[in-house]
PDB file of all heavy atoms in Angstrom:
ATOM      1  N   PHE A   1       0.850  -1.206   0.027  1.00  0.00           N
ATOM      2  CA  PHE A   1      -0.006   0.000  -0.010  1.00  0.00           C
ATOM      3  C   PHE A   1       0.868   1.212   0.001  1.00  0.00           C
ATOM      4  O   PHE A   1       1.408   1.680   1.064  1.00  0.00           O
ATOM      5  CB  PHE A   1      -0.823   0.003   1.237  1.00  0.00           C
ATOM      6  CG  PHE A   1      -1.761  -1.238   1.289  1.00  0.00           C
ATOM      7  CD1 PHE A   1      -1.302  -2.284   2.176  1.00  0.00           C
ATOM      8  CD2 PHE A   1      -2.906  -1.363   0.644  1.00  0.00           C
ATOM      9  CE1 PHE A   1      -2.112  -3.418   2.293  1.00  0.00           C
ATOM     10  CE2 PHE A   1      -3.664  -2.495   0.779  1.00  0.00           C
ATOM     11  CZ  PHE A   1      -3.328  -3.568   1.499  1.00  0.00           C
ATOM     12  N   LEU A   2       1.000   1.769  -1.143  1.00  0.00           N
ATOM     13  CA  LEU A   2       2.100   2.857  -1.372  1.00  0.00           C
ATOM     14  C   LEU A   2       1.388   4.089  -1.855  1.00  0.00           C
ATOM     15  O   LEU A   2       0.499   4.113  -2.712  1.00  0.00           O
ATOM     16  CB  LEU A   2       3.098   2.349  -2.296  1.00  0.00           C
ATOM     17  CG  LEU A   2       3.938   1.150  -1.979  1.00  0.00           C
ATOM     18  CD1 LEU A   2       4.793   0.816  -3.124  1.00  0.00           C
ATOM     19  CD2 LEU A   2       4.638   1.301  -0.701  1.00  0.00           C
ATOM     20  N   GLY A   3       1.751   5.242  -1.342  1.00  0.00           N
ATOM     21  CA  GLY A   3       1.265   6.536  -1.661  1.00  0.00           C
ATOM     22  C   GLY A   3      -0.294   6.667  -1.273  1.00  0.00           C
ATOM     23  O   GLY A   3      -0.831   5.961  -0.575  1.00  0.00           O
ATOM     24  N   GLU A   4      -0.856   7.833  -1.711  1.00  0.00           N
ATOM     25  CA  GLU A   4      -2.251   8.025  -1.320  1.00  0.00           C
ATOM     26  C   GLU A   4      -3.181   7.006  -1.892  1.00  0.00           C
ATOM     27  O   GLU A   4      -4.205   6.660  -1.262  1.00  0.00           O
ATOM     28  CB  GLU A   4      -2.628   9.518  -1.753  1.00  0.00           C
ATOM     29  CG  GLU A   4      -2.099  10.640  -0.959  1.00  0.00           C
ATOM     30  CD  GLU A   4      -2.479  10.494   0.341  1.00  0.00           C
ATOM     31  OE1 GLU A   4      -3.658  10.274   0.702  1.00  0.00           O
ATOM     32  OE2 GLU A   4      -1.629  10.807   1.288  1.00  0.00           O
ATOM     33  N   GLU A   5      -2.855   6.505  -3.097  1.00  0.00           N
ATOM     34  CA  GLU A   5      -3.718   5.441  -3.695  1.00  0.00           C
ATOM     35  C   GLU A   5      -3.724   4.163  -2.844  1.00  0.00           C
ATOM     36  O   GLU A   5      -4.608   3.494  -2.627  1.00  0.00           O
ATOM     37  CB  GLU A   5      -3.335   5.230  -5.085  1.00  0.00           C
ATOM     38  CG  GLU A   5      -4.269   4.145  -5.728  1.00  0.00           C
ATOM     39  CD  GLU A   5      -3.945   3.905  -7.208  1.00  0.00           C
ATOM     40  OE1 GLU A   5      -2.976   4.697  -7.764  1.00  0.00           O
ATOM     41  OE2 GLU A   5      -4.275   2.990  -7.805  1.00  0.00           O
ATOM     42  N   GLY A   6      -2.479   3.967  -2.377  1.00  0.00           N
ATOM     43  CA  GLY A   6      -2.326   2.759  -1.467  1.00  0.00           C
ATOM     44  C   GLY A   6      -2.914   2.961  -0.101  1.00  0.00           C
ATOM     45  O   GLY A   6      -3.630   1.898   0.332  1.00  0.00           O
ATOM     46  N   LEU A   7      -2.960   4.139   0.470  1.00  0.00           N
ATOM     47  CA  LEU A   7      -3.812   4.440   1.565  1.00  0.00           C
ATOM     48  C   LEU A   7      -5.172   4.204   1.454  1.00  0.00           C
ATOM     49  O   LEU A   7      -5.965   3.687   2.300  1.00  0.00           O
ATOM     50  CB  LEU A   7      -3.444   5.919   2.108  1.00  0.00           C
ATOM     51  CG  LEU A   7      -2.200   6.098   2.792  1.00  0.00           C
ATOM     52  CD1 LEU A   7      -1.921   7.665   3.117  1.00  0.00           C
ATOM     53  CD2 LEU A   7      -2.060   5.304   4.171  1.00  0.00           C
ATOM     54  N   THR A   8      -5.675   4.744   0.331  1.00  0.00           N
ATOM     55  CA  THR A   8      -7.144   4.536   0.052  1.00  0.00           C
ATOM     56  C   THR A   8      -7.524   3.137   0.014  1.00  0.00           C
ATOM     57  O   THR A   8      -8.548   2.581   0.467  1.00  0.00           O
ATOM     58  CB  THR A   8      -7.486   5.283  -1.301  1.00  0.00           C
ATOM     59  OG1 THR A   8      -7.183   6.668  -1.181  1.00  0.00           O
ATOM     60  CG2 THR A   8      -9.039   5.098  -1.640  1.00  0.00           C
ATOM     61  N   ASN A   9      -6.665   2.255  -0.700  1.00  0.00           N
ATOM     62  CA  ASN A   9      -6.982   0.890  -0.866  1.00  0.00           C
ATOM     63  C   ASN A   9      -6.854   0.185   0.503  1.00  0.00           C
ATOM     64  O   ASN A   9      -7.742  -0.777   0.773  1.00  0.00           O
ATOM     65  CB  ASN A   9      -5.876   0.093  -1.805  1.00  0.00           C
ATOM     66  CG  ASN A   9      -6.141   0.582  -3.256  1.00  0.00           C
ATOM     67  OD1 ASN A   9      -7.340   0.937  -3.631  1.00  0.00           O
ATOM     68  ND2 ASN A   9      -5.174   0.599  -3.977  1.00  0.00           N
ATOM     69  N   LEU A  10      -5.930   0.567   1.407  1.00  0.00           N
ATOM     70  CA  LEU A  10      -5.855  -0.011   2.732  1.00  0.00           C
ATOM     71  C   LEU A  10      -7.164   0.286   3.508  1.00  0.00           C
ATOM     72  O   LEU A  10      -7.713  -0.540   4.175  1.00  0.00           O
ATOM     73  CB  LEU A  10      -4.626   0.617   3.427  1.00  0.00           C
ATOM     74  CG  LEU A  10      -3.995  -0.028   4.740  1.00  0.00           C
ATOM     75  CD1 LEU A  10      -2.675   0.071   4.929  1.00  0.00           C
ATOM     76  CD2 LEU A  10      -4.905   0.418   5.981  1.00  0.00           C
ATOM     77  N   LEU A  11      -7.539   1.552   3.435  1.00  0.00           N
ATOM     78  CA  LEU A  11      -8.664   1.944   4.183  1.00  0.00           C
ATOM     79  C   LEU A  11     -10.039   1.206   3.650  1.00  0.00           C
ATOM     80  O   LEU A  11     -10.937   0.822   4.390  1.00  0.00           O
ATOM     81  CB  LEU A  11      -8.936   3.480   3.896  1.00  0.00           C
ATOM     82  CG  LEU A  11     -10.194   4.024   4.528  1.00  0.00           C
ATOM     83  CD1 LEU A  11     -10.280   3.834   6.097  1.00  0.00           C
ATOM     84  CD2 LEU A  11     -10.415   5.619   4.245  1.00  0.00           C
ATOM     85  N   LYS A  12      -9.989   0.919   2.285  1.00  0.00           N
ATOM     86  CA  LYS A  12     -11.161   0.191   1.796  1.00  0.00           C
ATOM     87  C   LYS A  12     -11.052  -1.272   2.347  1.00  0.00           C
ATOM     88  O   LYS A  12     -12.193  -1.688   2.695  1.00  0.00           O
ATOM     89  CB  LYS A  12     -10.936   0.205   0.149  1.00  0.00           C
ATOM     90  CG  LYS A  12     -12.244  -0.379  -0.343  1.00  0.00           C
ATOM     91  CD  LYS A  12     -11.977  -0.514  -1.955  1.00  0.00           C
ATOM     92  CE  LYS A  12     -11.741   0.887  -2.475  1.00  0.00           C
ATOM     93  NZ  LYS A  12     -11.658   0.890  -4.067  1.00  0.00           N
ATOM     94  N   ILE A  13      -9.933  -1.838   2.478  1.00  0.00           N
ATOM     95  CA  ILE A  13      -9.879  -3.187   2.993  1.00  0.00           C
ATOM     96  C   ILE A  13     -10.278  -3.246   4.545  1.00  0.00           C
ATOM     97  O   ILE A  13     -11.108  -4.014   4.864  1.00  0.00           O
ATOM     98  CB  ILE A  13      -8.473  -3.826   2.845  1.00  0.00           C
ATOM     99  CG1 ILE A  13      -8.223  -4.076   1.364  1.00  0.00           C
ATOM    100  CG2 ILE A  13      -8.280  -5.025   3.661  1.00  0.00           C
ATOM    101  CD1 ILE A  13      -6.845  -4.544   0.956  1.00  0.00           C
ATOM    102  N   ALA A  14      -9.823  -2.169   5.159  1.00  0.00           N
ATOM    103  CA  ALA A  14     -10.086  -2.239   6.636  1.00  0.00           C
ATOM    104  C   ALA A  14     -11.655  -1.953   6.860  1.00  0.00           C
ATOM    105  O   ALA A  14     -12.327  -2.522   7.722  1.00  0.00           O
ATOM    106  CB  ALA A  14      -9.315  -0.969   7.282  1.00  0.00           C
ATOM    107  N   GLY A  15     -12.241  -1.115   6.091  1.00  0.00           N
ATOM    108  CA  GLY A  15     -13.620  -0.825   6.141  1.00  0.00           C
ATOM    109  C   GLY A  15     -14.484  -2.033   5.762  1.00  0.00           C
ATOM    110  O   GLY A  15     -15.467  -2.484   6.419  1.00  0.00           O
ATOM    111  N   LEU A  16     -14.035  -2.771   4.770  1.00  0.00           N
ATOM    112  CA  LEU A  16     -14.700  -3.939   4.337  1.00  0.00           C
ATOM    113  C   LEU A  16     -14.625  -5.076   5.484  1.00  0.00           C
ATOM    114  O   LEU A  16     -15.524  -5.742   5.760  1.00  0.00           O
ATOM    115  CB  LEU A  16     -14.120  -4.533   3.061  1.00  0.00           C
ATOM    116  CG  LEU A  16     -14.491  -3.711   1.725  1.00  0.00           C
ATOM    117  CD1 LEU A  16     -13.521  -4.202   0.636  1.00  0.00           C
ATOM    118  CD2 LEU A  16     -15.863  -3.883   1.409  1.00  0.00           C
ATOM    119  N   VAL A  17     -13.428  -5.262   6.056  1.00  0.00           N
ATOM    120  CA  VAL A  17     -13.194  -6.183   7.103  1.00  0.00           C
ATOM    121  C   VAL A  17     -14.212  -5.834   8.332  1.00  0.00           C
ATOM    122  O   VAL A  17     -14.935  -6.673   8.893  1.00  0.00           O
ATOM    123  CB  VAL A  17     -11.750  -6.216   7.569  1.00  0.00           C
ATOM    124  CG1 VAL A  17     -11.741  -7.002   8.923  1.00  0.00           C
ATOM    125  CG2 VAL A  17     -10.979  -6.870   6.499  1.00  0.00           C
ATOM    126  N   LEU A  18     -14.194  -4.611   8.591  1.00  0.00           N
ATOM    127  CA  LEU A  18     -15.015  -4.083   9.820  1.00  0.00           C
ATOM    128  C   LEU A  18     -16.593  -4.483   9.561  1.00  0.00           C
ATOM    129  O   LEU A  18     -17.075  -4.986  10.422  1.00  0.00           O
ATOM    130  CB  LEU A  18     -14.804  -2.651  10.042  1.00  0.00           C
ATOM    131  CG  LEU A  18     -15.679  -1.931  11.183  1.00  0.00           C
ATOM    132  CD1 LEU A  18     -15.246  -2.449  12.456  1.00  0.00           C
ATOM    133  CD2 LEU A  18     -15.511  -0.356  11.040  1.00  0.00           C
ATOM    134  N   ASN A  19     -17.033  -4.017   8.385  1.00  0.00           N
ATOM    135  CA  ASN A  19     -18.524  -4.163   8.172  1.00  0.00           C
ATOM    136  C   ASN A  19     -18.872  -5.626   7.793  1.00  0.00           C
ATOM    137  O   ASN A  19     -19.893  -6.069   8.218  1.00  0.00           O
ATOM    138  CB  ASN A  19     -18.921  -3.256   6.958  1.00  0.00           C
ATOM    139  CG  ASN A  19     -18.780  -1.838   7.394  1.00  0.00           C
ATOM    140  OD1 ASN A  19     -19.825  -1.333   7.971  1.00  0.00           O
ATOM    141  ND2 ASN A  19     -17.793  -1.133   7.176  1.00  0.00           N
ATOM    142  N   ALA A  20     -17.954  -6.305   7.219  1.00  0.00           N
ATOM    143  CA  ALA A  20     -18.234  -7.762   6.829  1.00  0.00           C
ATOM    144  C   ALA A  20     -18.357  -8.711   8.052  1.00  0.00           C
ATOM    145  O   ALA A  20     -19.049  -9.573   8.119  1.00  0.00           O
ATOM    146  CB  ALA A  20     -17.116  -8.255   5.892  1.00  0.00           C
ATOM    147  N   LEU A  21     -17.588  -8.215   9.176  1.00  0.00           N
ATOM    148  CA  LEU A  21     -17.569  -9.012  10.424  1.00  0.00           C
ATOM    149  C   LEU A  21     -18.708  -8.542  11.281  1.00  0.00           C
ATOM    150  O   LEU A  21     -19.197  -9.319  12.072  1.00  0.00           O
ATOM    151  CB  LEU A  21     -16.170  -8.880  11.129  1.00  0.00           C
ATOM    152  CG  LEU A  21     -15.052  -9.582  10.450  1.00  0.00           C
ATOM    153  CD1 LEU A  21     -13.734  -9.307  11.228  1.00  0.00           C
ATOM    154  CD2 LEU A  21     -15.314 -11.178  10.436  1.00  0.00           C
ATOM    155  N   ALA A  22     -19.070  -7.234  11.244  1.00  0.00           N
ATOM    156  CA  ALA A  22     -20.113  -6.694  12.249  1.00  0.00           C
ATOM    157  C   ALA A  22     -21.435  -7.432  12.043  1.00  0.00           C
ATOM    158  O   ALA A  22     -22.182  -7.696  13.149  1.00  0.00           O
ATOM    159  CB  ALA A  22     -20.292  -5.219  12.026  1.00  0.00           C
ATOM    160  N   LEU A  23     -21.943  -7.821  10.799  1.00  0.00           N
ATOM    161  CA  LEU A  23     -23.151  -8.372  10.631  1.00  0.00           C
ATOM    162  C   LEU A  23     -23.179  -9.801  11.137  1.00  0.00           C
ATOM    163  O   LEU A  23     -24.077 -10.164  12.007  1.00  0.00           O
ATOM    164  CB  LEU A  23     -23.511  -8.412   9.126  1.00  0.00           C
ATOM    165  CG  LEU A  23     -24.783  -9.130   8.845  1.00  0.00           C
ATOM    166  CD1 LEU A  23     -25.935  -8.346   9.527  1.00  0.00           C
ATOM    167  CD2 LEU A  23     -25.064  -8.962   7.223  1.00  0.00           C
ATOM    168  N   PRO A  24     -22.210 -10.707  10.864  1.00  0.00           N
ATOM    169  CA  PRO A  24     -22.232 -12.149  11.520  1.00  0.00           C
ATOM    170  C   PRO A  24     -22.122 -12.019  13.044  1.00  0.00           C
ATOM    171  O   PRO A  24     -22.616 -12.828  13.724  1.00  0.00           O
ATOM    172  CB  PRO A  24     -21.135 -12.927  10.698  1.00  0.00           C
ATOM    173  CG  PRO A  24     -20.282 -11.783  10.186  1.00  0.00           C
ATOM    174  CD  PRO A  24     -21.237 -10.587   9.794  1.00  0.00           C
ATOM    175  N   PHE A  25     -21.289 -11.060  13.397  1.00  0.00           N
ATOM    176  CA  PHE A  25     -21.118 -11.035  14.974  1.00  0.00           C
ATOM    177  C   PHE A  25     -22.311 -10.617  15.557  1.00  0.00           C
ATOM    178  O   PHE A  25     -22.794 -11.207  16.546  1.00  0.00           O
ATOM    179  CB  PHE A  25     -20.095  -9.839  15.264  1.00  0.00           C
ATOM    180  CG  PHE A  25     -18.665 -10.374  15.204  1.00  0.00           C
ATOM    181  CD1 PHE A  25     -17.592  -9.415  14.865  1.00  0.00           C
ATOM    182  CD2 PHE A  25     -18.368 -11.661  15.180  1.00  0.00           C
ATOM    183  CE1 PHE A  25     -16.283  -9.816  14.674  1.00  0.00           C
ATOM    184  CE2 PHE A  25     -16.927 -12.050  15.159  1.00  0.00           C
ATOM    185  CZ  PHE A  25     -15.958 -11.185  14.845  1.00  0.00           C
ATOM    186  N   GLY A  26     -23.219  -9.776  14.983  1.00  0.00           N
ATOM    187  CA  GLY A  26     -24.539  -9.333  15.504  1.00  0.00           C
ATOM    188  C   GLY A  26     -25.425 -10.577  15.587  1.00  0.00           C
ATOM    189  O   GLY A  26     -26.201 -10.740  16.631  1.00  0.00           O
ATOM    190  N   ILE A  27     -25.452 -11.317  14.530  1.00  0.00           N
ATOM    191  CA  ILE A  27     -26.254 -12.515  14.451  1.00  0.00           C
ATOM    192  C   ILE A  27     -25.909 -13.560  15.465  1.00  0.00           C
ATOM    193  O   ILE A  27     -26.782 -14.139  16.175  1.00  0.00           O
ATOM    194  CB  ILE A  27     -26.362 -13.185  13.031  1.00  0.00           C
ATOM    195  CG1 ILE A  27     -26.898 -12.067  12.113  1.00  0.00           C
ATOM    196  CG2 ILE A  27     -27.039 -14.474  13.007  1.00  0.00           C
ATOM    197  CD1 ILE A  27     -26.842 -12.561  10.663  1.00  0.00           C
ATOM    198  N   LEU A  28     -24.518 -13.851  15.607  1.00  0.00           N
ATOM    199  CA  LEU A  28     -24.010 -14.890  16.434  1.00  0.00           C
ATOM    200  C   LEU A  28     -24.198 -14.486  17.927  1.00  0.00           C
ATOM    201  O   LEU A  28     -24.377 -15.233  18.836  1.00  0.00           O
ATOM    202  CB  LEU A  28     -22.585 -15.152  16.136  1.00  0.00           C
ATOM    203  CG  LEU A  28     -22.164 -15.722  14.796  1.00  0.00           C
ATOM    204  CD1 LEU A  28     -20.758 -15.917  14.574  1.00  0.00           C
ATOM    205  CD2 LEU A  28     -22.820 -17.171  14.804  1.00  0.00           C
ATOM    206  N   LEU A  29     -24.185 -13.142  18.218  1.00  0.00           N
ATOM    207  CA  LEU A  29     -24.237 -12.725  19.627  1.00  0.00           C
ATOM    208  C   LEU A  29     -25.678 -12.751  19.982  1.00  0.00           C
ATOM    209  O   LEU A  29     -25.944 -12.559  21.242  1.00  0.00           O
ATOM    210  CB  LEU A  29     -23.603 -11.334  19.666  1.00  0.00           C
ATOM    211  CG  LEU A  29     -22.120 -11.206  19.821  1.00  0.00           C
ATOM    212  CD1 LEU A  29     -21.630  -9.744  19.606  1.00  0.00           C
ATOM    213  CD2 LEU A  29     -21.553 -11.893  20.948  1.00  0.00           C
ATOM    214  N   GLY A  30     -26.674 -12.721  19.211  1.00  0.00           N
ATOM    215  CA  GLY A  30     -28.008 -12.757  19.500  1.00  0.00           C
ATOM    216  C   GLY A  30     -28.408 -13.760  20.605  1.00  0.00           C
ATOM    217  O   GLY A  30     -28.963 -13.396  21.583  1.00  0.00           O
TER     218      GLY A  30
END
């Protein structure tokens, strides 16, 4: 992840991980 474009891609991955896990966590914690 290099330069501003790399930072944007890193942020995109981090956001996808956060949101992709929040939904199943919510279901499993029910």
